[in-house]
N, C-alpha and C. Protein backbone atom coordinates (compact mmCIF):
# COMPACT_ATOMS: atom_id res chain seq x y z
N MET A 1 100.24 80.41 120.32
CA MET A 1 101.07 81.39 120.51
C MET A 1 102.42 81.14 119.79
N PHE A 2 103.12 81.75 118.75
CA PHE A 2 104.14 81.43 117.97
C PHE A 2 104.94 82.58 118.77
N MET A 3 106.54 81.49 119.36
CA MET A 3 107.49 82.21 119.65
C MET A 3 108.83 81.94 119.36
N GLY A 4 109.70 82.74 119.09
CA GLY A 4 111.19 82.02 119.00
C GLY A 4 111.55 82.31 117.76
N GLU A 5 112.96 82.20 117.30
CA GLU A 5 113.54 82.85 116.31
C GLU A 5 114.51 81.61 115.82
N TYR A 6 114.14 81.20 114.60
CA TYR A 6 114.81 80.04 113.98
C TYR A 6 115.64 80.32 112.48
N MET A 7 116.92 79.90 112.40
CA MET A 7 117.32 80.24 110.80
C MET A 7 117.15 78.62 110.07
N HIS A 8 117.19 78.64 109.04
CA HIS A 8 117.02 77.48 107.90
C HIS A 8 117.29 78.13 106.73
N SER A 9 117.76 77.37 105.76
CA SER A 9 118.33 77.79 104.38
C SER A 9 116.88 77.29 103.31
N LEU A 10 116.76 78.17 102.59
CA LEU A 10 115.48 78.02 101.43
C LEU A 10 116.65 76.97 100.57
N ASP A 11 115.71 76.15 99.90
CA ASP A 11 116.35 75.11 98.94
C ASP A 11 116.47 75.72 97.68
N ALA A 12 116.84 74.78 96.70
CA ALA A 12 116.90 75.13 95.16
C ALA A 12 115.74 75.36 94.77
N LYS A 13 114.53 74.75 95.22
CA LYS A 13 113.06 74.46 94.63
C LYS A 13 112.45 75.45 95.39
N GLY A 14 113.04 76.58 96.45
CA GLY A 14 112.36 77.35 97.17
C GLY A 14 111.36 77.06 98.22
N ARG A 15 112.05 75.81 98.93
CA ARG A 15 111.33 75.08 100.31
C ARG A 15 112.31 75.27 101.21
N VAL A 16 111.42 75.73 102.45
CA VAL A 16 112.05 75.87 103.69
C VAL A 16 111.56 75.19 104.71
N ILE A 17 112.10 74.61 105.67
CA ILE A 17 111.76 73.70 106.74
C ILE A 17 111.13 74.63 107.90
N LEU A 18 109.50 74.14 107.99
CA LEU A 18 109.00 74.68 109.20
C LEU A 18 109.26 74.13 110.19
N PRO A 19 109.54 74.87 111.48
CA PRO A 19 110.32 74.39 112.70
C PRO A 19 109.06 73.56 113.36
N ALA A 20 109.68 72.43 113.99
CA ALA A 20 108.64 71.51 114.47
C ALA A 20 107.68 72.44 115.71
N ASP A 21 108.39 73.14 116.54
CA ASP A 21 107.58 73.96 117.11
C ASP A 21 106.46 74.70 116.79
N PHE A 22 106.46 75.11 115.54
CA PHE A 22 105.49 75.60 114.81
C PHE A 22 104.54 74.94 114.22
N ARG A 23 104.77 73.90 113.91
CA ARG A 23 103.67 72.90 112.79
C ARG A 23 102.95 72.59 113.50
N ALA A 24 102.95 72.15 114.90
CA ALA A 24 101.69 71.58 115.15
C ALA A 24 100.62 72.89 115.54
N GLU A 25 101.01 73.95 115.97
CA GLU A 25 100.02 74.86 116.11
C GLU A 25 99.52 75.51 114.88
N LEU A 26 100.21 75.58 113.94
CA LEU A 26 99.72 76.36 112.45
C LEU A 26 99.10 75.46 111.61
N GLY A 27 99.04 73.84 112.05
CA GLY A 27 97.99 73.05 111.69
C GLY A 27 98.38 72.76 110.11
N VAL A 28 97.68 71.66 109.54
CA VAL A 28 98.03 70.90 108.42
C VAL A 28 98.08 71.75 107.13
N SER A 29 97.20 72.85 106.90
CA SER A 29 97.26 73.76 105.96
C SER A 29 97.08 75.28 106.51
N PHE A 30 97.67 76.13 105.69
CA PHE A 30 98.07 77.32 106.54
C PHE A 30 98.00 78.35 105.14
N ILE A 31 98.08 79.65 105.55
CA ILE A 31 97.97 80.77 104.56
C ILE A 31 99.33 81.55 105.12
N ILE A 32 100.11 81.86 103.66
CA ILE A 32 101.14 82.63 103.70
C ILE A 32 100.81 83.92 102.84
N THR A 33 101.30 85.12 103.15
CA THR A 33 100.92 86.44 102.31
C THR A 33 102.17 87.25 102.69
N LYS A 34 102.00 88.55 101.79
CA LYS A 34 102.84 89.47 102.26
C LYS A 34 102.86 89.96 103.62
N GLY A 35 103.67 90.24 104.14
CA GLY A 35 103.75 90.84 105.37
C GLY A 35 103.92 92.46 105.44
N LEU A 36 103.92 93.02 106.60
CA LEU A 36 104.39 94.39 106.49
C LEU A 36 106.02 94.25 106.81
N ASP A 37 107.09 95.31 106.78
CA ASP A 37 108.23 95.47 106.93
C ASP A 37 109.08 94.42 105.98
N LYS A 38 108.53 94.22 104.90
CA LYS A 38 109.22 93.29 103.91
C LYS A 38 109.31 91.75 104.35
N CYS A 39 108.47 91.31 104.89
CA CYS A 39 108.93 89.85 105.37
C CYS A 39 107.47 89.31 104.90
N LEU A 40 107.28 87.97 105.24
CA LEU A 40 106.11 87.12 104.94
C LEU A 40 105.35 87.04 106.32
N PHE A 41 104.09 86.66 106.15
CA PHE A 41 103.48 86.23 107.18
C PHE A 41 102.42 85.04 107.26
N LEU A 42 102.75 84.02 108.28
CA LEU A 42 101.87 82.82 108.08
C LEU A 42 101.13 82.47 109.16
N TYR A 43 99.65 82.36 108.48
CA TYR A 43 98.72 82.35 109.49
C TYR A 43 98.22 81.02 109.50
N ALA A 44 97.78 80.51 110.49
CA ALA A 44 96.91 79.23 110.65
C ALA A 44 95.42 79.63 110.39
N GLN A 45 94.93 78.95 109.68
CA GLN A 45 93.57 79.18 109.19
C GLN A 45 92.69 80.03 109.94
N PRO A 46 92.35 79.50 111.32
CA PRO A 46 91.31 80.53 112.27
C PRO A 46 91.94 81.94 112.27
N GLU A 47 93.19 81.83 112.48
CA GLU A 47 93.91 83.46 112.60
C GLU A 47 93.58 84.07 111.29
N TRP A 48 93.90 83.43 110.06
CA TRP A 48 93.60 84.24 108.89
C TRP A 48 92.17 84.58 108.49
N ASP A 49 91.18 83.46 109.15
CA ASP A 49 89.66 83.92 108.73
C ASP A 49 89.21 85.31 109.74
N ALA A 50 90.08 85.43 110.65
CA ALA A 50 89.56 86.48 111.78
C ALA A 50 90.29 87.70 111.28
N LEU A 51 91.49 87.87 110.35
CA LEU A 51 92.14 89.00 109.82
C LEU A 51 91.03 89.12 108.67
N ALA A 52 90.63 88.29 107.66
CA ALA A 52 89.96 88.26 106.95
C ALA A 52 88.52 89.09 107.10
N ALA A 53 87.87 88.58 108.09
CA ALA A 53 86.75 89.04 108.66
C ALA A 53 87.01 90.54 109.03
N LYS A 54 88.08 90.87 109.47
CA LYS A 54 88.25 92.55 109.98
C LYS A 54 88.52 93.11 108.75
N LEU A 55 89.18 92.65 108.02
CA LEU A 55 89.47 93.29 106.77
C LEU A 55 88.07 93.61 105.75
N ARG A 56 87.30 92.84 105.80
CA ARG A 56 85.96 92.78 105.28
C ARG A 56 84.97 94.14 105.69
N GLN A 57 85.49 94.29 106.75
CA GLN A 57 84.76 95.37 107.65
C GLN A 57 84.99 96.72 107.08
N LEU A 58 86.12 96.90 106.63
CA LEU A 58 86.60 97.97 106.18
C LEU A 58 85.97 98.85 105.30
N PRO A 59 85.61 100.30 105.21
CA PRO A 59 85.08 100.96 104.50
C PRO A 59 85.64 100.65 102.94
N LEU A 60 84.56 99.94 102.02
CA LEU A 60 85.20 99.96 100.25
C LEU A 60 85.54 101.29 99.70
N ALA A 61 84.73 102.38 100.29
CA ALA A 61 84.86 103.63 99.56
C ALA A 61 86.38 104.26 99.92
N LYS A 62 86.89 103.69 100.89
CA LYS A 62 88.30 104.52 101.14
C LYS A 62 89.45 103.48 100.56
N PRO A 63 90.31 104.37 99.68
CA PRO A 63 91.07 103.84 98.87
C PRO A 63 92.19 102.96 99.92
N GLU A 64 92.47 103.76 100.93
CA GLU A 64 93.47 102.93 102.08
C GLU A 64 92.95 101.48 102.16
N ALA A 65 91.78 101.65 102.43
CA ALA A 65 90.91 100.23 102.99
C ALA A 65 91.11 99.28 101.52
N ARG A 66 90.74 99.65 100.59
CA ARG A 66 91.03 98.86 99.34
C ARG A 66 92.71 98.39 99.25
N ALA A 67 93.28 99.34 99.37
CA ALA A 67 94.70 99.01 99.25
C ALA A 67 95.13 97.72 100.25
N LEU A 68 94.69 97.91 101.44
CA LEU A 68 95.01 97.03 102.42
C LEU A 68 94.63 95.66 102.12
N VAL A 69 93.47 95.78 101.50
CA VAL A 69 92.72 94.25 101.16
C VAL A 69 93.60 93.67 100.30
N ARG A 70 93.67 94.63 99.05
CA ARG A 70 94.56 93.97 98.02
C ARG A 70 95.92 93.42 98.52
N PHE A 71 96.46 94.09 99.19
CA PHE A 71 98.15 93.74 99.86
C PHE A 71 98.01 92.61 100.34
N PHE A 72 97.01 92.23 101.48
CA PHE A 72 96.87 90.97 102.16
C PHE A 72 96.18 89.53 101.14
N PHE A 73 95.60 90.08 100.13
CA PHE A 73 94.70 88.75 99.65
C PHE A 73 95.48 88.42 98.41
N ALA A 74 96.13 89.55 97.64
CA ALA A 74 96.60 89.24 96.35
C ALA A 74 97.61 88.57 96.24
N GLY A 75 98.46 88.20 97.28
CA GLY A 75 99.80 87.58 97.42
C GLY A 75 99.26 85.92 97.93
N ALA A 76 98.05 86.02 98.53
CA ALA A 76 98.14 84.96 99.65
C ALA A 76 97.61 83.85 99.21
N ARG A 77 98.20 82.64 99.63
CA ARG A 77 98.15 81.23 99.14
C ARG A 77 97.84 80.02 100.06
N THR A 78 97.41 79.23 100.11
CA THR A 78 96.96 78.17 101.06
C THR A 78 98.31 77.11 100.81
N LEU A 79 98.70 76.73 101.88
CA LEU A 79 100.05 75.95 101.85
C LEU A 79 99.82 74.65 102.64
N GLU A 80 100.67 73.85 102.30
CA GLU A 80 100.71 72.63 103.16
C GLU A 80 102.28 72.05 103.21
N CYS A 81 102.69 71.41 104.52
CA CYS A 81 104.07 70.84 104.65
C CYS A 81 104.06 69.93 104.10
N ASP A 82 105.34 69.48 103.28
CA ASP A 82 105.56 68.04 103.03
C ASP A 82 105.90 66.94 104.02
N LYS A 83 106.45 66.00 103.69
CA LYS A 83 106.66 65.01 104.64
C LYS A 83 107.85 65.26 105.56
N GLN A 84 108.47 65.98 104.98
CA GLN A 84 109.84 66.46 105.82
C GLN A 84 109.67 67.37 106.49
N GLY A 85 108.39 68.26 106.41
CA GLY A 85 108.30 69.60 107.17
C GLY A 85 108.54 70.71 106.35
N ARG A 86 108.60 70.76 105.37
CA ARG A 86 109.18 71.74 104.60
C ARG A 86 107.99 72.49 103.71
N PHE A 87 107.82 73.58 103.22
CA PHE A 87 106.78 74.36 102.47
C PHE A 87 107.44 75.38 101.56
N LEU A 88 106.84 75.36 100.42
CA LEU A 88 107.13 76.10 99.45
C LEU A 88 106.77 77.69 99.39
N VAL A 89 108.02 78.29 99.37
CA VAL A 89 107.47 79.95 99.29
C VAL A 89 107.55 80.36 97.81
N PRO A 90 106.05 80.71 97.42
CA PRO A 90 105.91 81.11 95.99
C PRO A 90 107.02 82.05 95.66
N ALA A 91 107.41 82.22 94.20
CA ALA A 91 108.24 83.14 93.64
C ALA A 91 107.71 84.29 93.79
N ASN A 92 106.55 84.82 93.65
CA ASN A 92 106.08 86.24 93.84
C ASN A 92 106.55 86.54 95.35
N LEU A 93 106.10 85.96 96.34
CA LEU A 93 106.29 86.38 97.57
C LEU A 93 107.90 86.25 97.98
N ARG A 94 108.58 85.15 97.31
CA ARG A 94 110.17 85.53 97.80
C ARG A 94 110.77 86.85 97.10
N ASN A 95 110.31 87.15 96.00
CA ASN A 95 110.64 88.49 95.46
C ASN A 95 110.10 89.56 96.25
N TYR A 96 109.07 89.60 96.79
CA TYR A 96 108.68 90.63 97.67
C TYR A 96 109.53 91.05 98.88
N ALA A 97 109.77 89.46 99.43
CA ALA A 97 110.64 89.62 100.60
C ALA A 97 112.11 89.80 100.55
N GLY A 98 112.49 89.73 99.28
CA GLY A 98 114.13 89.63 99.14
C GLY A 98 114.48 88.25 99.37
N ILE A 99 114.16 87.30 99.25
CA ILE A 99 114.39 85.93 99.93
C ILE A 99 114.74 85.32 98.43
N GLN A 100 116.47 84.73 98.43
CA GLN A 100 116.48 84.09 97.23
C GLN A 100 116.76 82.99 97.14
N LEU A 101 116.99 82.06 96.29
CA LEU A 101 117.24 80.36 96.46
C LEU A 101 118.64 80.24 97.27
N ARG A 102 118.64 79.10 97.93
CA ARG A 102 119.66 78.76 98.55
C ARG A 102 120.33 80.02 99.59
N GLN A 103 119.65 80.59 99.94
CA GLN A 103 119.89 81.78 101.25
C GLN A 103 119.18 81.26 102.35
N ASP A 104 119.71 81.87 103.48
CA ASP A 104 119.23 81.63 104.87
C ASP A 104 118.09 82.41 104.81
N VAL A 105 117.11 81.96 105.70
CA VAL A 105 115.76 82.67 106.01
C VAL A 105 115.73 82.60 107.68
N VAL A 106 114.91 83.49 108.04
CA VAL A 106 114.63 83.47 109.53
C VAL A 106 113.11 83.31 109.82
N LEU A 107 112.78 82.47 110.63
CA LEU A 107 111.46 82.68 110.82
C LEU A 107 111.42 82.63 112.47
N THR A 108 110.53 84.02 112.62
CA THR A 108 110.07 84.26 113.79
C THR A 108 108.69 84.19 114.28
N GLY A 109 108.51 83.70 115.52
CA GLY A 109 107.29 83.72 115.95
C GLY A 109 106.71 85.02 116.38
N ALA A 110 105.53 85.60 116.20
CA ALA A 110 105.01 86.68 116.49
C ALA A 110 103.50 86.76 117.05
N ASP A 111 103.28 86.18 118.16
CA ASP A 111 102.29 85.71 118.69
C ASP A 111 101.16 84.89 117.90
N ASN A 112 100.21 85.65 117.01
CA ASN A 112 99.21 84.95 115.92
C ASN A 112 99.70 84.76 115.02
N ARG A 113 100.85 84.60 114.60
CA ARG A 113 101.70 84.47 113.15
C ARG A 113 102.97 84.32 113.08
N ILE A 114 103.42 83.69 112.13
CA ILE A 114 104.91 83.41 112.01
C ILE A 114 105.49 84.16 110.86
N GLU A 115 106.43 84.80 111.09
CA GLU A 115 107.23 85.83 110.06
C GLU A 115 108.24 85.06 109.60
N VAL A 116 108.32 85.42 108.50
CA VAL A 116 109.42 84.84 107.48
C VAL A 116 110.24 85.91 106.68
N TRP A 117 111.55 86.16 107.02
CA TRP A 117 112.32 87.14 106.73
C TRP A 117 113.71 86.49 106.03
N SER A 118 114.11 87.30 105.05
CA SER A 118 115.42 87.14 104.67
C SER A 118 116.52 87.67 105.40
N ARG A 119 117.47 86.67 105.62
CA ARG A 119 118.60 86.89 106.95
C ARG A 119 119.07 88.23 107.01
N ASP A 120 119.29 88.86 105.72
CA ASP A 120 119.68 90.13 105.50
C ASP A 120 118.69 91.34 106.08
N GLN A 121 117.41 91.24 105.71
CA GLN A 121 116.45 92.01 105.94
C GLN A 121 116.20 92.01 107.54
N TRP A 122 116.16 90.57 108.01
CA TRP A 122 116.05 90.63 109.67
C TRP A 122 117.22 91.28 110.24
N SER A 123 118.33 90.80 109.85
CA SER A 123 119.47 91.59 110.57
C SER A 123 119.42 93.26 110.45
N GLN A 124 119.03 93.74 109.20
CA GLN A 124 118.68 94.90 109.30
C GLN A 124 117.94 95.58 109.98
N TYR A 125 116.66 95.06 110.14
CA TYR A 125 115.50 95.28 110.93
C TYR A 125 115.97 95.29 112.35
N THR A 126 116.30 94.55 112.85
CA THR A 126 116.99 94.27 114.23
C THR A 126 117.87 95.12 114.69
N GLU A 127 118.93 95.57 113.73
CA GLU A 127 119.96 96.55 114.16
C GLU A 127 119.14 98.05 114.05
N GLU A 128 118.20 98.02 113.32
CA GLU A 128 117.41 99.51 113.38
C GLU A 128 116.39 99.68 114.65
N VAL A 129 115.59 98.60 115.01
CA VAL A 129 114.61 98.59 115.79
C VAL A 129 115.12 98.50 117.25
N GLU A 130 116.04 97.36 117.53
CA GLU A 130 116.23 97.06 118.93
C GLU A 130 116.79 98.02 119.74
N PRO A 131 117.64 98.81 119.25
CA PRO A 131 118.21 100.00 120.16
C PRO A 131 117.26 100.96 120.76
N ASP A 132 116.10 101.01 119.83
CA ASP A 132 114.87 101.98 120.13
C ASP A 132 113.79 101.22 120.85
N VAL A 133 113.83 100.05 121.32
CA VAL A 133 112.75 99.30 121.97
C VAL A 133 112.07 100.00 123.03
N THR A 134 113.37 100.40 123.93
CA THR A 134 112.93 101.17 125.27
C THR A 134 111.84 102.39 124.79
N ALA A 135 112.47 103.36 123.70
CA ALA A 135 111.63 104.35 123.30
C ALA A 135 110.06 104.00 122.99
N ILE A 136 110.28 103.07 122.14
CA ILE A 136 109.13 102.54 121.60
C ILE A 136 107.95 102.18 122.46
N ALA A 137 108.36 101.21 123.49
CA ALA A 137 107.61 100.78 124.71
C ALA A 137 106.92 102.00 125.41
N ALA A 138 107.73 102.95 125.60
CA ALA A 138 107.30 104.23 126.17
C ALA A 138 106.23 104.95 125.47
N SER A 139 106.71 104.90 124.17
CA SER A 139 105.59 105.59 123.20
C SER A 139 104.05 104.85 123.40
N LEU A 140 104.38 103.75 123.62
CA LEU A 140 102.87 102.72 123.56
C LEU A 140 102.41 102.86 125.06
N ALA A 141 102.80 103.47 125.96
CA ALA A 141 102.64 103.22 127.50
C ALA A 141 100.90 103.46 127.74
N GLY A 142 100.41 104.38 126.74
CA GLY A 142 99.05 104.67 127.03
C GLY A 142 98.14 103.56 126.67
N LEU A 143 98.90 102.23 125.97
CA LEU A 143 98.08 101.09 125.67
C LEU A 143 98.05 100.21 126.52
N GLY A 144 98.83 100.49 127.62
CA GLY A 144 98.88 99.33 128.84
C GLY A 144 100.05 98.55 128.48
N ILE A 145 101.02 98.75 127.89
CA ILE A 145 101.88 97.80 127.61
C ILE A 145 103.19 98.02 128.64
């Protein structure tokens, strides 16, 4: 399970340090892809395989299903960390998430995945959502939360 919030800078080559707490659980190679809310998702291979299996079950005849499959798979890449614990964030994914070279990024644990946010997007997101967490939790009460 991935937990915690870490801030690191993207270097001039588009690399960012993966926190040591995340490295062991993520594995040697992992998947990066577009995430929801304009962030990026990092998945360990078994978690990616589970998500891919669920996406394969969606009905191909539904446009929404095709759009979701394209969203997750078109930008996906398999990555590995270098000896310094850094991974390269591909340019197309940096553009999607609004991440600039030499900018701070926030890596957050989100249970079965890691999310990578531009610092500005993360700040905006937390300002909008955190005040409403009590209302959000109440709306999900029927799910046993």
